[in-house]
């Protein structure tokens, strides 16, 4: 959903677990926590705090855990 990135809780190279909060997005006057869909390693963070993002924009990329 379109919104504004309020906070980023991870950075490139971090290992994350399923359900871990990656960032907080403000949309429709509400804060939404965006969580990791699976375990993995963050390969890129494509946004910065304060950025306006569009619907379906790729925010963070994860590599599969081996």
PDB file of N, CA and C in Angstrom:
ATOM      1  N   UNK A   1       0.834  -1.178   0.000  1.00  0.00           N
ATOM      2  CA  UNK A   1       0.000   0.000   0.000  1.00  0.00           C
ATOM      3  C   UNK A   1       0.877   1.239   0.000  1.00  0.00           C
ATOM      4  N   UNK A   2       0.445   2.299  -0.635  1.00  0.00           N
ATOM      5  CA  UNK A   2       1.239   3.521  -0.644  1.00  0.00           C
ATOM      6  C   UNK A   2       1.322   4.110   0.758  1.00  0.00           C
ATOM      7  N   UNK A   3       2.456   4.716   1.058  1.00  0.00           N
ATOM      8  CA  UNK A   3       2.623   5.318   2.373  1.00  0.00           C
ATOM      9  C   UNK A   3       3.988   5.946   2.535  1.00  0.00           C
ATOM     10  N   UNK A   4       4.331   6.237   3.791  1.00  0.00           N
ATOM     11  CA  UNK A   4       5.596   6.868   4.131  1.00  0.00           C
ATOM     12  C   UNK A   4       6.358   5.950   5.080  1.00  0.00           C
ATOM     13  N   UNK A   5       7.651   5.753   4.812  1.00  0.00           N
ATOM     14  CA  UNK A   5       8.495   4.921   5.668  1.00  0.00           C
ATOM     15  C   UNK A   5       8.842   5.730   6.924  1.00  0.00           C
ATOM     16  N   UNK A   6       8.396   5.234   8.084  1.00  0.00           N
ATOM     17  CA  UNK A   6       8.669   5.920   9.348  1.00  0.00           C
ATOM     18  C   UNK A   6       9.955   5.439  10.005  1.00  0.00           C
ATOM     19  N   UNK A   7      10.206   4.124   9.955  1.00  0.00           N
ATOM     20  CA  UNK A   7      11.382   3.560  10.627  1.00  0.00           C
ATOM     21  C   UNK A   7      11.821   2.295   9.911  1.00  0.00           C
ATOM     22  N   UNK A   8      13.120   2.076   9.873  1.00  0.00           N
ATOM     23  CA  UNK A   8      13.692   0.854   9.313  1.00  0.00           C
ATOM     24  C   UNK A   8      14.458   0.168  10.435  1.00  0.00           C
ATOM     25  N   UNK A   9      14.129  -1.110  10.671  1.00  0.00           N
ATOM     26  CA  UNK A   9      14.688  -1.837  11.813  1.00  0.00           C
ATOM     27  C   UNK A   9      15.784  -2.815  11.431  1.00  0.00           C
ATOM     28  N   UNK A  10      16.203  -2.802  10.187  1.00  0.00           N
ATOM     29  CA  UNK A  10      17.209  -3.753   9.737  1.00  0.00           C
ATOM     30  C   UNK A  10      18.097  -3.102   8.683  1.00  0.00           C
ATOM     31  N   UNK A  11      19.200  -3.753   8.359  1.00  0.00           N
ATOM     32  CA  UNK A  11      20.093  -3.231   7.323  1.00  0.00           C
ATOM     33  C   UNK A  11      20.662  -4.397   6.526  1.00  0.00           C
ATOM     34  N   UNK A  12      21.326  -4.088   5.430  1.00  0.00           N
ATOM     35  CA  UNK A  12      21.907  -5.121   4.571  1.00  0.00           C
ATOM     36  C   UNK A  12      22.836  -6.018   5.375  1.00  0.00           C
ATOM     37  N   UNK A  13      22.715  -7.323   5.132  1.00  0.00           N
ATOM     38  CA  UNK A  13      23.567  -8.301   5.793  1.00  0.00           C
ATOM     39  C   UNK A  13      22.993  -8.863   7.075  1.00  0.00           C
ATOM     40  N   UNK A  14      21.929  -8.263   7.593  1.00  0.00           N
ATOM     41  CA  UNK A  14      21.308  -8.767   8.817  1.00  0.00           C
ATOM     42  C   UNK A  14      20.568 -10.064   8.546  1.00  0.00           C
ATOM     43  N   UNK A  15      20.662 -11.007   9.489  1.00  0.00           N
ATOM     44  CA  UNK A  15      19.832 -12.214   9.443  1.00  0.00           C
ATOM     45  C   UNK A  15      18.537 -11.899  10.171  1.00  0.00           C
ATOM     46  N   UNK A  16      17.418 -12.265   9.560  1.00  0.00           N
ATOM     47  CA  UNK A  16      16.120 -11.999  10.160  1.00  0.00           C
ATOM     48  C   UNK A  16      15.320 -13.292  10.260  1.00  0.00           C
ATOM     49  N   UNK A  17      14.400 -13.320  11.199  1.00  0.00           N
ATOM     50  CA  UNK A  17      13.534 -14.469  11.407  1.00  0.00           C
ATOM     51  C   UNK A  17      12.124 -14.146  10.948  1.00  0.00           C
ATOM     52  N   UNK A  18      11.390 -15.169  10.578  1.00  0.00           N
ATOM     53  CA  UNK A  18      10.007 -14.980  10.162  1.00  0.00           C
ATOM     54  C   UNK A  18       9.247 -14.229  11.251  1.00  0.00           C
ATOM     55  N   UNK A  19       8.510 -13.197  10.860  1.00  0.00           N
ATOM     56  CA  UNK A  19       7.731 -12.413  11.801  1.00  0.00           C
ATOM     57  C   UNK A  19       8.456 -11.223  12.407  1.00  0.00           C
ATOM     58  N   UNK A  20       9.765 -11.144  12.218  1.00  0.00           N
ATOM     59  CA  UNK A  20      10.543 -10.014  12.748  1.00  0.00           C
ATOM     60  C   UNK A  20      10.178  -8.735  11.996  1.00  0.00           C
ATOM     61  N   UNK A  21       9.983  -7.643  12.725  1.00  0.00           N
ATOM     62  CA  UNK A  21       9.627  -6.368  12.104  1.00  0.00           C
ATOM     63  C   UNK A  21      10.832  -5.820  11.339  1.00  0.00           C
ATOM     64  N   UNK A  22      10.609  -5.509  10.057  1.00  0.00           N
ATOM     65  CA  UNK A  22      11.664  -4.968   9.195  1.00  0.00           C
ATOM     66  C   UNK A  22      11.564  -3.449   9.088  1.00  0.00           C
ATOM     67  N   UNK A  23      10.330  -2.946   8.997  1.00  0.00           N
ATOM     68  CA  UNK A  23      10.130  -1.499   8.913  1.00  0.00           C
ATOM     69  C   UNK A  23       8.715  -1.142   9.332  1.00  0.00           C
ATOM     70  N   UNK A  24       8.523   0.151   9.578  1.00  0.00           N
ATOM     71  CA  UNK A  24       7.207   0.674   9.925  1.00  0.00           C
ATOM     72  C   UNK A  24       6.805   1.652   8.829  1.00  0.00           C
ATOM     73  N   UNK A  25       5.597   1.454   8.321  1.00  0.00           N
ATOM     74  CA  UNK A  25       5.063   2.251   7.228  1.00  0.00           C
ATOM     75  C   UNK A  25       3.803   2.959   7.710  1.00  0.00           C
ATOM     76  N   UNK A  26       3.694   4.249   7.426  1.00  0.00           N
ATOM     77  CA  UNK A  26       2.475   4.984   7.744  1.00  0.00           C
ATOM     78  C   UNK A  26       1.629   5.066   6.476  1.00  0.00           C
ATOM     79  N   UNK A  27       0.409   4.558   6.575  1.00  0.00           N
ATOM     80  CA  UNK A  27      -0.511   4.597   5.445  1.00  0.00           C
ATOM     81  C   UNK A  27      -1.923   4.764   5.991  1.00  0.00           C
ATOM     82  N   UNK A  28      -2.691   5.617   5.363  1.00  0.00           N
ATOM     83  CA  UNK A  28      -4.067   5.861   5.770  1.00  0.00           C
ATOM     84  C   UNK A  28      -4.157   6.280   7.243  1.00  0.00           C
ATOM     85  N   UNK A  29      -3.190   7.101   7.667  1.00  0.00           N
ATOM     86  CA  UNK A  29      -3.117   7.643   9.025  1.00  0.00           C
ATOM     87  C   UNK A  29      -2.943   6.570  10.098  1.00  0.00           C
ATOM     88  N   UNK A  30      -2.432   5.399   9.694  1.00  0.00           N
ATOM     89  CA  UNK A  30      -2.155   4.318  10.633  1.00  0.00           C
ATOM     90  C   UNK A  30      -0.729   3.833  10.417  1.00  0.00           C
ATOM     91  N   UNK A  31      -0.115   3.315  11.487  1.00  0.00           N
ATOM     92  CA  UNK A  31       1.217   2.728  11.376  1.00  0.00           C
ATOM     93  C   UNK A  31       1.079   1.229  11.160  1.00  0.00           C
ATOM     94  N   UNK A  32       1.815   0.717  10.160  1.00  0.00           N
ATOM     95  CA  UNK A  32       1.776  -0.701   9.822  1.00  0.00           C
ATOM     96  C   UNK A  32       3.182  -1.268   9.956  1.00  0.00           C
ATOM     97  N   UNK A  33       3.323  -2.321  10.755  1.00  0.00           N
ATOM     98  CA  UNK A  33       4.612  -2.989  10.875  1.00  0.00           C
ATOM     99  C   UNK A  33       4.732  -4.005   9.749  1.00  0.00           C
ATOM    100  N   UNK A  34       5.793  -3.894   8.977  1.00  0.00           N
ATOM    101  CA  UNK A  34       6.048  -4.835   7.884  1.00  0.00           C
ATOM    102  C   UNK A  34       7.054  -5.860   8.400  1.00  0.00           C
ATOM    103  N   UNK A  35       6.633  -7.124   8.421  1.00  0.00           N
ATOM    104  CA  UNK A  35       7.430  -8.201   9.015  1.00  0.00           C
ATOM    105  C   UNK A  35       8.024  -9.108   7.952  1.00  0.00           C
ATOM    106  N   UNK A  36       9.088  -9.807   8.330  1.00  0.00           N
ATOM    107  CA  UNK A  36       9.722 -10.768   7.423  1.00  0.00           C
ATOM    108  C   UNK A  36       8.773 -11.939   7.176  1.00  0.00           C
ATOM    109  N   UNK A  37       8.547 -12.288   5.921  1.00  0.00           N
ATOM    110  CA  UNK A  37       7.647 -13.402   5.612  1.00  0.00           C
ATOM    111  C   UNK A  37       8.281 -14.769   5.890  1.00  0.00           C
ATOM    112  N   UNK A  38       9.597 -14.781   6.034  1.00  0.00           N
ATOM    113  CA  UNK A  38      10.345 -16.026   6.271  1.00  0.00           C
ATOM    114  C   UNK A  38      11.718 -15.687   6.834  1.00  0.00           C
ATOM    115  N   UNK A  39      12.437 -16.702   7.278  1.00  0.00           N
ATOM    116  CA  UNK A  39      13.818 -16.504   7.708  1.00  0.00           C
ATOM    117  C   UNK A  39      14.658 -16.161   6.478  1.00  0.00           C
ATOM    118  N   UNK A  40      15.681 -15.355   6.671  1.00  0.00           N
ATOM    119  CA  UNK A  40      16.555 -15.011   5.557  1.00  0.00           C
ATOM    120  C   UNK A  40      17.582 -13.974   5.951  1.00  0.00           C
ATOM    121  N   UNK A  41      18.356 -13.541   4.969  1.00  0.00           N
ATOM    122  CA  UNK A  41      19.358 -12.502   5.147  1.00  0.00           C
ATOM    123  C   UNK A  41      18.970 -11.325   4.265  1.00  0.00           C
ATOM    124  N   UNK A  42      19.025 -10.135   4.824  1.00  0.00           N
ATOM    125  CA  UNK A  42      18.672  -8.937   4.072  1.00  0.00           C
ATOM    126  C   UNK A  42      19.761  -8.672   3.041  1.00  0.00           C
ATOM    127  N   UNK A  43      19.381  -8.688   1.762  1.00  0.00           N
ATOM    128  CA  UNK A  43      20.359  -8.434   0.698  1.00  0.00           C
ATOM    129  C   UNK A  43      20.344  -6.978   0.260  1.00  0.00           C
ATOM    130  N   UNK A  44      19.183  -6.302   0.409  1.00  0.00           N
ATOM    131  CA  UNK A  44      19.145  -4.875   0.106  1.00  0.00           C
ATOM    132  C   UNK A  44      17.951  -4.211   0.781  1.00  0.00           C
ATOM    133  N   UNK A  45      18.184  -2.963   1.161  1.00  0.00           N
ATOM    134  CA  UNK A  45      17.126  -2.100   1.684  1.00  0.00           C
ATOM    135  C   UNK A  45      16.965  -1.004   0.642  1.00  0.00           C
ATOM    136  N   UNK A  46      15.817  -0.977  -0.023  1.00  0.00           N
ATOM    137  CA  UNK A  46      15.612  -0.107  -1.181  1.00  0.00           C
ATOM    138  C   UNK A  46      14.962   1.226  -0.847  1.00  0.00           C
ATOM    139  N   UNK A  47      14.738   1.510   0.434  1.00  0.00           N
ATOM    140  CA  UNK A  47      14.094   2.751   0.866  1.00  0.00           C
ATOM    141  C   UNK A  47      14.861   3.340   2.044  1.00  0.00           C
ATOM    142  N   UNK A  48      14.570   4.596   2.334  1.00  0.00           N
ATOM    143  CA  UNK A  48      15.139   5.286   3.497  1.00  0.00           C
ATOM    144  C   UNK A  48      13.993   5.834   4.328  1.00  0.00           C
ATOM    145  N   UNK A  49      14.274   6.105   5.594  1.00  0.00           N
ATOM    146  CA  UNK A  49      13.255   6.715   6.443  1.00  0.00           C
ATOM    147  C   UNK A  49      12.814   8.036   5.829  1.00  0.00           C
ATOM    148  N   UNK A  50      11.506   8.268   5.811  1.00  0.00           N
ATOM    149  CA  UNK A  50      10.950   9.485   5.242  1.00  0.00           C
ATOM    150  C   UNK A  50      10.523   9.349   3.794  1.00  0.00           C
ATOM    151  N   UNK A  51      10.920   8.262   3.116  1.00  0.00           N
ATOM    152  CA  UNK A  51      10.538   8.060   1.716  1.00  0.00           C
ATOM    153  C   UNK A  51       9.048   7.804   1.585  1.00  0.00           C
ATOM    154  N   UNK A  52       8.459   8.337   0.522  1.00  0.00           N
ATOM    155  CA  UNK A  52       7.095   7.994   0.120  1.00  0.00           C
ATOM    156  C   UNK A  52       7.220   6.789  -0.805  1.00  0.00           C
ATOM    157  N   UNK A  53       6.415   5.763  -0.574  1.00  0.00           N
ATOM    158  CA  UNK A  53       6.494   4.559  -1.398  1.00  0.00           C
ATOM    159  C   UNK A  53       5.152   4.305  -2.075  1.00  0.00           C
ATOM    160  N   UNK A  54       5.216   3.686  -3.236  1.00  0.00           N
ATOM    161  CA  UNK A  54       4.028   3.383  -4.025  1.00  0.00           C
ATOM    162  C   UNK A  54       3.543   1.968  -3.720  1.00  0.00           C
ATOM    163  N   UNK A  55       2.324   1.697  -4.147  1.00  0.00           N
ATOM    164  CA  UNK A  55       1.758   0.364  -4.016  1.00  0.00           C
ATOM    165  C   UNK A  55       2.633  -0.642  -4.771  1.00  0.00           C
ATOM    166  N   UNK A  56       2.922  -1.775  -4.159  1.00  0.00           N
ATOM    167  CA  UNK A  56       3.709  -2.877  -4.745  1.00  0.00           C
ATOM    168  C   UNK A  56       5.184  -2.546  -4.942  1.00  0.00           C
ATOM    169  N   UNK A  57       5.688  -1.472  -4.356  1.00  0.00           N
ATOM    170  CA  UNK A  57       7.109  -1.136  -4.457  1.00  0.00           C
ATOM    171  C   UNK A  57       7.927  -2.111  -3.613  1.00  0.00           C
ATOM    172  N   UNK A  58       9.076  -2.545  -4.132  1.00  0.00           N
ATOM    173  CA  UNK A  58       9.958  -3.461  -3.413  1.00  0.00           C
ATOM    174  C   UNK A  58      10.735  -2.668  -2.371  1.00  0.00           C
ATOM    175  N   UNK A  59      10.510  -2.972  -1.089  1.00  0.00           N
ATOM    176  CA  UNK A  59      11.105  -2.209  -0.009  1.00  0.00           C
ATOM    177  C   UNK A  59      12.398  -2.840   0.499  1.00  0.00           C
ATOM    178  N   UNK A  60      12.349  -4.146   0.773  1.00  0.00           N
ATOM    179  CA  UNK A  60      13.497  -4.871   1.311  1.00  0.00           C
ATOM    180  C   UNK A  60      13.551  -6.229   0.615  1.00  0.00           C
ATOM    181  N   UNK A  61      14.762  -6.663   0.267  1.00  0.00           N
ATOM    182  CA  UNK A  61      14.942  -7.966  -0.361  1.00  0.00           C
ATOM    183  C   UNK A  61      15.622  -8.922   0.607  1.00  0.00           C
ATOM    184  N   UNK A  62      15.139 -10.175   0.601  1.00  0.00           N
ATOM    185  CA  UNK A  62      15.710 -11.218   1.453  1.00  0.00           C
ATOM    186  C   UNK A  62      16.267 -12.354   0.601  1.00  0.00           C
ATOM    187  N   UNK A  63      17.405 -12.901   1.026  1.00  0.00           N
ATOM    188  CA  UNK A  63      17.942 -14.109   0.409  1.00  0.00           C
ATOM    189  C   UNK A  63      17.493 -15.287   1.266  1.00  0.00           C
ATOM    190  N   UNK A  64      17.327 -16.436   0.665  1.00  0.00           N
ATOM    191  CA  UNK A  64      16.950 -17.648   1.398  1.00  0.00           C
ATOM    192  C   UNK A  64      18.061 -18.041   2.378  1.00  0.00           C
ATOM    193  N   UNK A  65      17.664 -18.518   3.553  1.00  0.00           N
ATOM    194  CA  UNK A  65      18.644 -19.065   4.495  1.00  0.00           C
ATOM    195  C   UNK A  65      19.041 -20.440   4.006  1.00  0.00           C
ATOM    196  N   UNK A  66      20.318 -20.755   4.100  1.00  0.00           N
ATOM    197  CA  UNK A  66      20.796 -22.070   3.623  1.00  0.00           C
ATOM    198  C   UNK A  66      20.979 -23.015   4.764  1.00  0.00           C
TER     199      UNK A  66
END
